[in-house]
Structures are given as structure tokens and as C-alpha cells.
Amino acid sequence: IRCFMLIASSLPHYLVLFQEGYVRRSLSPYSPSPSSLNDRFVHLTNAAVQKQHPDYASRKEEVIWSMEQLQQELQQEGKVGEGW
């Protein structure tokens, strides 16, 4: 998740999170298995890396999500409620 946050004060804590952030995703499914550790498409969401993925041309819309898209996905999976 890439977002902007203003830290207005540290004592007391006062943080402002701006909703205009975005989510970078991998085109390969995540796997914690040791055999996937060298697969940079699985573990790195960097744009320069993902652009080299064999399916990038046909799936490039999947690489970057808005915060709203993330919210919808998490709600569909039942991981968060509305308005998280």
C-alpha cells in the first residue's frame, strides 16, 4: 500500500492518512514456499519488475489498484466491513 500520511504531532500522536493512496500488486500469486523465493514476480511489486512479467501487456490494469478497489476486494472476501 502506498499512501501519504501527515504526522502532525508525536506527543500526543496525531496522524492524518490521505485516502488517495494506491495499492501495487504482483501479477504472480504470492507463495511463501522456499521454491518461490527467487521468483521476483511473486515478491516484488516494483513497476520495473512487473513490466517484465510475461502477462503484463494483457493484465497491466491488475498491477495498480485504488484504495476503493482494495476495499471492495476485502469486503467481498469477508475480511473487512463496510467503511473500514
N, C-alpha and C. Protein backbone atom coordinates (compact mmCIF):
# COMPACT_ATOMS: atom_id res chain seq x y z
N ILE A 1 0.86 -1.17 0.00
CA ILE A 1 0.00 0.00 0.00
C ILE A 1 0.90 1.23 0.00
N ARG A 2 0.61 2.12 -0.90
CA ARG A 2 1.36 3.38 -0.96
C ARG A 2 0.37 4.50 -0.69
N CYS A 3 0.65 5.24 0.35
CA CYS A 3 -0.25 6.32 0.72
C CYS A 3 0.56 7.44 1.34
N PHE A 4 -0.10 8.53 1.52
CA PHE A 4 0.53 9.69 2.13
C PHE A 4 -0.05 9.90 3.52
N MET A 5 0.84 10.21 4.45
CA MET A 5 0.42 10.39 5.83
C MET A 5 1.11 11.64 6.37
N LEU A 6 0.34 12.43 7.05
CA LEU A 6 0.89 13.60 7.73
C LEU A 6 1.02 13.26 9.20
N ILE A 7 2.22 13.39 9.72
CA ILE A 7 2.44 13.20 11.16
C ILE A 7 2.52 14.61 11.74
N ALA A 8 1.40 15.05 12.27
CA ALA A 8 1.29 16.41 12.77
C ALA A 8 1.90 16.57 14.16
N SER A 9 1.89 15.49 14.94
CA SER A 9 2.43 15.55 16.29
C SER A 9 2.80 14.14 16.72
N SER A 10 3.87 14.04 17.51
CA SER A 10 4.24 12.72 18.02
C SER A 10 3.80 12.53 19.47
N LEU A 11 3.66 13.61 20.20
CA LEU A 11 3.13 13.54 21.56
C LEU A 11 2.18 14.70 21.77
N PRO A 12 0.92 14.56 21.83
CA PRO A 12 0.20 13.30 21.61
C PRO A 12 0.23 12.93 20.13
N HIS A 13 0.02 11.66 19.83
CA HIS A 13 0.04 11.18 18.46
C HIS A 13 -1.13 11.78 17.67
N TYR A 14 -0.80 12.38 16.56
CA TYR A 14 -1.83 12.92 15.68
C TYR A 14 -1.39 12.66 14.24
N LEU A 15 -2.05 11.71 13.59
CA LEU A 15 -1.72 11.31 12.24
C LEU A 15 -2.91 11.53 11.33
N VAL A 16 -2.65 11.94 10.10
CA VAL A 16 -3.71 12.11 9.12
C VAL A 16 -3.34 11.25 7.91
N LEU A 17 -4.19 10.30 7.56
CA LEU A 17 -3.98 9.43 6.42
C LEU A 17 -4.83 9.92 5.26
N PHE A 18 -4.22 10.15 4.14
CA PHE A 18 -4.95 10.61 2.97
C PHE A 18 -5.43 9.40 2.17
N GLN A 19 -6.70 9.35 1.83
CA GLN A 19 -7.30 8.20 1.16
C GLN A 19 -6.88 8.04 -0.30
N GLU A 20 -6.20 9.00 -0.87
CA GLU A 20 -5.85 8.93 -2.28
C GLU A 20 -4.68 7.99 -2.56
N GLY A 21 -4.35 7.14 -1.64
CA GLY A 21 -3.26 6.20 -1.85
C GLY A 21 -3.63 5.16 -2.90
N TYR A 22 -2.72 4.24 -3.14
CA TYR A 22 -2.98 3.17 -4.09
C TYR A 22 -2.25 1.91 -3.66
N VAL A 23 -2.59 0.81 -4.30
CA VAL A 23 -2.04 -0.49 -3.96
C VAL A 23 -1.31 -1.05 -5.16
N ARG A 24 -0.07 -1.44 -4.98
CA ARG A 24 0.68 -2.12 -6.04
C ARG A 24 0.57 -3.61 -5.79
N ARG A 25 0.25 -4.34 -6.86
CA ARG A 25 0.05 -5.78 -6.75
C ARG A 25 1.00 -6.52 -7.68
N SER A 26 1.22 -7.77 -7.37
CA SER A 26 2.03 -8.63 -8.21
C SER A 26 1.12 -9.38 -9.18
N LEU A 27 1.61 -9.65 -10.37
CA LEU A 27 0.85 -10.43 -11.33
C LEU A 27 0.95 -11.94 -11.06
N SER A 28 1.87 -12.34 -10.21
CA SER A 28 2.00 -13.75 -9.82
C SER A 28 1.44 -13.93 -8.42
N PRO A 29 0.76 -15.03 -8.17
CA PRO A 29 0.21 -15.25 -6.82
C PRO A 29 1.31 -15.40 -5.78
N TYR A 30 1.05 -14.86 -4.60
CA TYR A 30 2.02 -14.95 -3.50
C TYR A 30 2.18 -16.39 -3.05
N SER A 31 3.41 -16.75 -2.75
CA SER A 31 3.70 -18.07 -2.19
C SER A 31 4.85 -17.94 -1.21
N PRO A 32 4.67 -18.43 0.02
CA PRO A 32 5.76 -18.37 0.99
C PRO A 32 6.74 -19.54 0.85
N SER A 33 6.52 -20.43 -0.11
CA SER A 33 7.37 -21.61 -0.22
C SER A 33 8.80 -21.23 -0.60
N PRO A 34 9.76 -21.97 -0.09
CA PRO A 34 11.17 -21.68 -0.40
C PRO A 34 11.46 -21.71 -1.90
N SER A 35 10.72 -22.51 -2.65
CA SER A 35 10.98 -22.60 -4.10
C SER A 35 10.60 -21.30 -4.83
N SER A 36 9.78 -20.46 -4.23
CA SER A 36 9.38 -19.21 -4.89
C SER A 36 10.25 -18.03 -4.47
N LEU A 37 11.18 -18.21 -3.59
CA LEU A 37 11.97 -17.09 -3.08
C LEU A 37 12.77 -16.38 -4.16
N ASN A 38 13.16 -17.06 -5.19
CA ASN A 38 13.93 -16.43 -6.27
C ASN A 38 13.06 -15.89 -7.38
N ASP A 39 11.75 -16.03 -7.27
CA ASP A 39 10.83 -15.52 -8.29
C ASP A 39 10.46 -14.08 -7.94
N ARG A 40 11.11 -13.15 -8.58
CA ARG A 40 10.89 -11.74 -8.23
C ARG A 40 9.49 -11.26 -8.58
N PHE A 41 8.80 -11.91 -9.52
CA PHE A 41 7.43 -11.52 -9.85
C PHE A 41 6.47 -11.80 -8.70
N VAL A 42 6.81 -12.76 -7.86
CA VAL A 42 5.96 -13.11 -6.72
C VAL A 42 6.13 -12.12 -5.58
N HIS A 43 7.35 -11.69 -5.33
CA HIS A 43 7.66 -10.94 -4.12
C HIS A 43 7.90 -9.44 -4.31
N LEU A 44 8.07 -8.98 -5.54
CA LEU A 44 8.34 -7.56 -5.77
C LEU A 44 7.22 -6.93 -6.58
N THR A 45 6.67 -5.85 -6.09
CA THR A 45 5.59 -5.17 -6.81
C THR A 45 6.11 -3.94 -7.56
N ASN A 46 7.40 -3.76 -7.59
CA ASN A 46 8.01 -2.65 -8.29
C ASN A 46 7.57 -2.64 -9.75
N ALA A 47 7.24 -1.45 -10.28
CA ALA A 47 6.74 -1.33 -11.65
C ALA A 47 7.74 -1.87 -12.67
N ALA A 48 9.01 -1.58 -12.48
CA ALA A 48 10.03 -2.03 -13.43
C ALA A 48 10.09 -3.56 -13.48
N VAL A 49 9.87 -4.22 -12.36
CA VAL A 49 9.87 -5.68 -12.30
C VAL A 49 8.60 -6.24 -12.94
N GLN A 50 7.45 -5.72 -12.55
CA GLN A 50 6.18 -6.25 -13.06
C GLN A 50 6.03 -6.05 -14.57
N LYS A 51 6.62 -5.00 -15.12
CA LYS A 51 6.55 -4.77 -16.56
C LYS A 51 7.26 -5.86 -17.36
N GLN A 52 8.14 -6.60 -16.70
CA GLN A 52 8.85 -7.69 -17.37
C GLN A 52 8.10 -9.02 -17.28
N HIS A 53 7.01 -9.05 -16.55
CA HIS A 53 6.20 -10.27 -16.42
C HIS A 53 5.65 -10.65 -17.80
N PRO A 54 5.64 -11.93 -18.15
CA PRO A 54 5.16 -12.34 -19.48
C PRO A 54 3.72 -11.93 -19.78
N ASP A 55 2.88 -11.78 -18.76
CA ASP A 55 1.47 -11.43 -18.97
C ASP A 55 1.18 -9.94 -18.77
N TYR A 56 2.22 -9.13 -18.61
CA TYR A 56 2.00 -7.72 -18.28
C TYR A 56 1.13 -6.99 -19.31
N ALA A 57 1.38 -7.19 -20.58
CA ALA A 57 0.63 -6.45 -21.61
C ALA A 57 -0.87 -6.69 -21.51
N SER A 58 -1.28 -7.91 -21.22
CA SER A 58 -2.71 -8.23 -21.17
C SER A 58 -3.32 -8.01 -19.78
N ARG A 59 -2.50 -7.86 -18.75
CA ARG A 59 -3.03 -7.76 -17.39
C ARG A 59 -2.55 -6.53 -16.62
N LYS A 60 -2.01 -5.53 -17.32
CA LYS A 60 -1.40 -4.39 -16.62
C LYS A 60 -2.37 -3.61 -15.75
N GLU A 61 -3.69 -3.70 -16.02
CA GLU A 61 -4.67 -3.00 -15.16
C GLU A 61 -4.73 -3.60 -13.76
N GLU A 62 -4.24 -4.83 -13.61
CA GLU A 62 -4.29 -5.52 -12.32
C GLU A 62 -3.15 -5.11 -11.39
N VAL A 63 -2.15 -4.42 -11.91
CA VAL A 63 -0.95 -4.10 -11.13
C VAL A 63 -1.22 -3.00 -10.10
N ILE A 64 -2.00 -1.99 -10.46
CA ILE A 64 -2.27 -0.89 -9.54
C ILE A 64 -3.76 -0.82 -9.27
N TRP A 65 -4.10 -0.83 -7.98
CA TRP A 65 -5.49 -0.71 -7.54
C TRP A 65 -5.65 0.58 -6.76
N SER A 66 -6.84 1.15 -6.83
CA SER A 66 -7.16 2.28 -5.96
C SER A 66 -7.48 1.73 -4.57
N MET A 67 -7.55 2.62 -3.61
CA MET A 67 -7.93 2.18 -2.26
C MET A 67 -9.36 1.65 -2.26
N GLU A 68 -10.21 2.20 -3.13
CA GLU A 68 -11.59 1.73 -3.23
C GLU A 68 -11.64 0.30 -3.76
N GLN A 69 -10.80 -0.02 -4.75
CA GLN A 69 -10.75 -1.38 -5.27
C GLN A 69 -10.29 -2.35 -4.19
N LEU A 70 -9.31 -1.95 -3.40
CA LEU A 70 -8.84 -2.79 -2.30
C LEU A 70 -9.96 -3.02 -1.30
N GLN A 71 -10.68 -1.96 -0.96
CA GLN A 71 -11.78 -2.08 -0.01
C GLN A 71 -12.84 -3.05 -0.53
N GLN A 72 -13.21 -2.93 -1.80
CA GLN A 72 -14.21 -3.83 -2.39
C GLN A 72 -13.75 -5.28 -2.34
N GLU A 73 -12.50 -5.52 -2.68
CA GLU A 73 -11.96 -6.89 -2.66
C GLU A 73 -11.99 -7.47 -1.25
N LEU A 74 -11.53 -6.69 -0.27
CA LEU A 74 -11.51 -7.17 1.11
C LEU A 74 -12.92 -7.39 1.65
N GLN A 75 -13.89 -6.56 1.24
CA GLN A 75 -15.27 -6.77 1.66
C GLN A 75 -15.84 -8.03 1.03
N GLN A 76 -15.55 -8.26 -0.25
CA GLN A 76 -16.04 -9.47 -0.92
C GLN A 76 -15.47 -10.73 -0.29
N GLU A 77 -14.24 -10.65 0.20
CA GLU A 77 -13.61 -11.79 0.86
C GLU A 77 -14.06 -11.92 2.31
N GLY A 78 -14.83 -10.96 2.80
CA GLY A 78 -15.30 -11.00 4.18
C GLY A 78 -14.25 -10.66 5.20
N LYS A 79 -13.20 -9.97 4.79
CA LYS A 79 -12.10 -9.63 5.71
C LYS A 79 -12.29 -8.30 6.41
N VAL A 80 -13.11 -7.41 5.85
CA VAL A 80 -13.42 -6.13 6.47
C VAL A 80 -14.89 -5.81 6.26
N GLY A 81 -15.42 -4.97 7.10
CA GLY A 81 -16.78 -4.49 6.93
C GLY A 81 -16.80 -3.23 6.11
N GLU A 82 -17.98 -2.73 5.83
CA GLU A 82 -18.11 -1.50 5.05
C GLU A 82 -17.52 -0.32 5.82
N GLY A 83 -16.90 0.59 5.08
CA GLY A 83 -16.37 1.80 5.69
C GLY A 83 -15.11 1.63 6.48
N TRP A 84 -14.33 0.60 6.24
CA TRP A 84 -13.11 0.36 7.02
C TRP A 84 -12.22 1.55 6.91
